[in-house]
């Protein structure tokens, strides 16, 4: 059982794994797309997404913190410049893993492509521009829709009121029967 084993060690020592993830994260930031194994991509996702979130606030402290992970000045410039500006509206989920059907020839490992979501122009739809949504937000109606809805509800209420007024009926009390115990004559 895998109790308490969150980190995939990838068959490497800790310094080797940290150096490998740092180099892969730098390559992903600079090239916007890399090809690697599925296990490495899943480990890289946990490594790089907090760095992108940290890059949204461009302060000296956040730059130094991210530099301690990446150790590459060019990738820091790209991360705090182009990547942070494109991902500023996104609340999370900055990377996408696309698995390939084929495997690597040498060791039969599953291969995938990892990319930054906001830099893929194929999936973007220019007509639909979505704003960042939270769970509490509701769909706001445009001014024309509100006016049309007010007109339909006003006409419906005016039509319903006369019908209700004409259908009023007066309930009569049932007549008491003669000879019942309650009535004495």
Protein backbone atom coordinates (compact mmCIF):
# COMPACT_ATOMS: atom_id res chain seq x y z
CA UNK A 1 0.00 0.00 0.00
CA UNK A 2 1.09 3.57 -0.71
CA UNK A 3 0.35 5.20 2.64
CA UNK A 4 1.93 8.65 2.86
CA UNK A 5 3.88 8.36 -0.39
CA UNK A 6 2.98 11.52 -2.30
CA UNK A 7 6.23 12.01 -4.21
CA UNK A 8 7.15 9.83 -7.17
CA UNK A 9 10.91 9.47 -6.73
CA UNK A 10 11.33 8.51 -10.39
CA UNK A 11 14.17 6.11 -9.53
CA UNK A 12 16.57 8.97 -8.70
CA UNK A 13 18.24 10.45 -5.68
CA UNK A 14 16.80 13.67 -4.28
CA UNK A 15 19.41 16.07 -5.75
CA UNK A 16 19.22 14.34 -9.14
CA UNK A 17 15.41 14.52 -9.14
CA UNK A 18 15.38 18.22 -8.14
CA UNK A 19 17.92 19.09 -10.85
CA UNK A 20 15.98 17.14 -13.46
CA UNK A 21 12.65 18.81 -12.55
CA UNK A 22 14.32 22.22 -12.53
CA UNK A 23 15.74 21.66 -16.02
CA UNK A 24 12.43 20.32 -17.33
CA UNK A 25 10.54 23.28 -15.85
CA UNK A 26 12.96 25.72 -17.47
CA UNK A 27 12.55 23.97 -20.81
CA UNK A 28 8.76 24.04 -20.46
CA UNK A 29 8.75 27.76 -19.65
CA UNK A 30 11.11 28.67 -22.48
CA UNK A 31 9.65 26.38 -25.18
CA UNK A 32 6.00 26.27 -23.95
CA UNK A 33 5.82 22.57 -24.88
CA UNK A 34 7.99 19.49 -24.15
CA UNK A 35 7.78 15.76 -24.84
CA UNK A 36 8.51 13.41 -21.96
CA UNK A 37 7.20 10.33 -20.14
CA UNK A 38 3.87 10.41 -18.34
CA UNK A 39 5.41 9.85 -14.90
CA UNK A 40 7.86 12.72 -15.33
CA UNK A 41 5.11 14.98 -16.65
CA UNK A 42 2.91 14.31 -13.62
CA UNK A 43 5.83 15.04 -11.30
CA UNK A 44 6.68 18.18 -13.28
CA UNK A 45 3.10 19.42 -13.02
CA UNK A 46 3.35 19.44 -9.21
CA UNK A 47 6.69 21.23 -9.49
CA UNK A 48 5.91 23.96 -12.02
CA UNK A 49 2.32 25.01 -11.26
CA UNK A 50 3.14 26.57 -7.85
CA UNK A 51 5.97 28.47 -9.55
CA UNK A 52 3.57 29.92 -12.13
CA UNK A 53 1.18 30.92 -9.36
CA UNK A 54 4.06 32.60 -7.54
CA UNK A 55 5.01 34.46 -10.74
CA UNK A 56 1.64 36.23 -10.84
CA UNK A 57 2.88 38.59 -8.11
CA UNK A 58 5.97 40.26 -9.53
CA UNK A 59 7.94 41.13 -6.41
CA UNK A 60 11.61 40.71 -5.59
CA UNK A 61 10.76 38.08 -3.00
CA UNK A 62 8.77 35.96 -5.45
CA UNK A 63 11.51 36.29 -8.08
CA UNK A 64 14.13 35.07 -5.62
CA UNK A 65 11.93 32.23 -4.45
CA UNK A 66 11.31 31.03 -8.01
CA UNK A 67 15.00 31.46 -8.89
CA UNK A 68 15.93 29.15 -5.99
CA UNK A 69 13.95 26.42 -7.76
CA UNK A 70 14.82 27.08 -11.41
CA UNK A 71 18.40 28.46 -11.32
CA UNK A 72 18.03 29.91 -14.82
CA UNK A 73 17.82 33.66 -15.51
CA UNK A 74 16.29 33.36 -18.97
CA UNK A 75 13.46 31.17 -17.74
CA UNK A 76 12.80 33.61 -14.87
CA UNK A 77 12.48 36.48 -17.36
CA UNK A 78 10.11 34.45 -19.54
CA UNK A 79 8.10 33.25 -16.54
CA UNK A 80 7.57 36.68 -14.98
CA UNK A 81 7.09 38.36 -18.35
CA UNK A 82 5.16 36.47 -20.99
CA UNK A 83 3.87 33.48 -19.00
CA UNK A 84 2.62 35.49 -16.01
CA UNK A 85 0.82 37.99 -18.23
CA UNK A 86 -1.07 35.26 -20.10
CA UNK A 87 -1.97 33.23 -17.00
CA UNK A 88 -3.03 36.17 -14.82
CA UNK A 89 -6.76 35.51 -15.37
CA UNK A 90 -6.53 31.72 -14.89
CA UNK A 91 -7.15 30.50 -11.31
CA UNK A 92 -5.05 27.33 -11.76
CA UNK A 93 -4.42 24.42 -14.09
CA UNK A 94 -1.72 26.05 -16.17
CA UNK A 95 -0.42 22.85 -17.80
CA UNK A 96 -1.95 20.17 -19.99
CA UNK A 97 -0.72 16.60 -20.49
CA UNK A 98 -1.60 14.98 -23.82
CA UNK A 99 -0.79 11.28 -23.94
CA UNK A 100 0.46 9.66 -27.14
CA UNK A 101 -0.59 6.19 -28.28
CA UNK A 102 2.95 5.04 -29.03
CA UNK A 103 5.61 4.16 -26.48
CA UNK A 104 9.33 4.75 -26.34
CA UNK A 105 11.34 2.09 -28.17
CA UNK A 106 14.06 1.52 -25.59
CA UNK A 107 12.06 0.84 -22.43
CA UNK A 108 8.42 0.89 -23.65
CA UNK A 109 7.60 3.92 -21.48
CA UNK A 110 4.39 5.87 -22.13
CA UNK A 111 5.16 9.14 -23.91
CA UNK A 112 3.22 12.37 -23.62
CA UNK A 113 3.42 16.02 -24.53
CA UNK A 114 3.21 18.60 -21.76
CA UNK A 115 2.31 22.16 -22.64
CA UNK A 116 1.26 25.43 -21.11
CA UNK A 117 -2.49 25.80 -21.64
CA UNK A 118 -2.59 29.50 -22.55
CA UNK A 119 0.04 29.12 -25.29
CA UNK A 120 -1.78 26.57 -27.45
CA UNK A 121 -3.40 28.40 -30.36
CA UNK A 122 -5.11 25.28 -31.73
CA UNK A 123 -7.59 24.96 -28.87
CA UNK A 124 -8.30 28.69 -28.60
CA UNK A 125 -11.60 29.93 -29.98
CA UNK A 126 -11.48 33.60 -30.89
CA UNK A 127 -15.26 34.01 -30.83
CA UNK A 128 -15.74 32.81 -27.27
CA UNK A 129 -13.92 34.85 -24.66
CA UNK A 130 -14.47 33.39 -21.21
CA UNK A 131 -13.84 35.31 -18.06
CA UNK A 132 -12.47 33.67 -14.97
CA UNK A 133 -15.41 32.18 -13.12
CA UNK A 134 -15.77 31.31 -9.52
CA UNK A 135 -18.26 28.84 -8.20
CA UNK A 136 -20.49 31.58 -6.87
CA UNK A 137 -20.77 33.64 -10.02
CA UNK A 138 -24.01 33.61 -11.94
CA UNK A 139 -24.74 34.32 -15.54
CA UNK A 140 -25.48 38.00 -15.91
CA UNK A 141 -28.11 38.96 -18.46
CA UNK A 142 -27.51 41.71 -20.96
CA UNK A 143 -29.64 44.87 -20.97
CA UNK A 144 -31.69 43.75 -24.00
CA UNK A 145 -32.44 40.39 -22.37
CA UNK A 146 -33.58 42.05 -19.16
CA UNK A 147 -35.91 44.44 -21.02
CA UNK A 148 -37.43 41.58 -23.02
CA UNK A 149 -37.95 39.53 -19.89
CA UNK A 150 -39.63 42.46 -18.08
CA UNK A 151 -42.03 42.93 -21.01
CA UNK A 152 -42.99 39.26 -21.10
CA UNK A 153 -43.57 39.08 -17.36
CA UNK A 154 -45.60 42.32 -17.38
CA UNK A 155 -47.86 41.09 -20.20
CA UNK A 156 -48.29 37.73 -18.50
CA UNK A 157 -49.33 39.32 -15.21
CA UNK A 158 -51.85 41.66 -16.86
CA UNK A 159 -53.47 38.78 -18.73
CA UNK A 160 -53.70 36.57 -15.67
CA UNK A 161 -55.36 39.10 -13.36
CA UNK A 162 -58.71 39.46 -15.25
CA UNK A 163 -59.03 35.70 -15.60
CA UNK A 164 -58.65 35.19 -11.89
CA UNK A 165 -61.22 37.90 -11.13
CA UNK A 166 -63.88 36.31 -13.37
CA UNK A 167 -63.44 32.86 -11.89
CA UNK A 168 -64.31 33.89 -8.35
CA UNK A 169 -66.93 31.65 -6.88
CA UNK A 170 -68.76 32.00 -3.64
CA UNK A 171 -68.89 28.88 -1.53
CA UNK A 172 -72.26 28.22 0.07
CA UNK A 173 -72.59 26.48 3.36
CA UNK A 174 -74.40 23.16 3.12
CA UNK A 175 -77.95 23.22 4.46
CA UNK A 176 -78.55 21.42 7.71
CA UNK A 177 -80.62 18.25 7.44
CA UNK A 178 -83.89 17.97 9.29
CA UNK A 179 -84.06 15.31 11.86
CA UNK A 180 -80.43 15.27 12.75
CA UNK A 181 -79.35 15.23 16.35
CA UNK A 182 -77.81 18.68 16.23
CA UNK A 183 -80.98 20.46 15.08
CA UNK A 184 -83.87 20.76 17.49
CA UNK A 185 -87.20 22.16 16.36
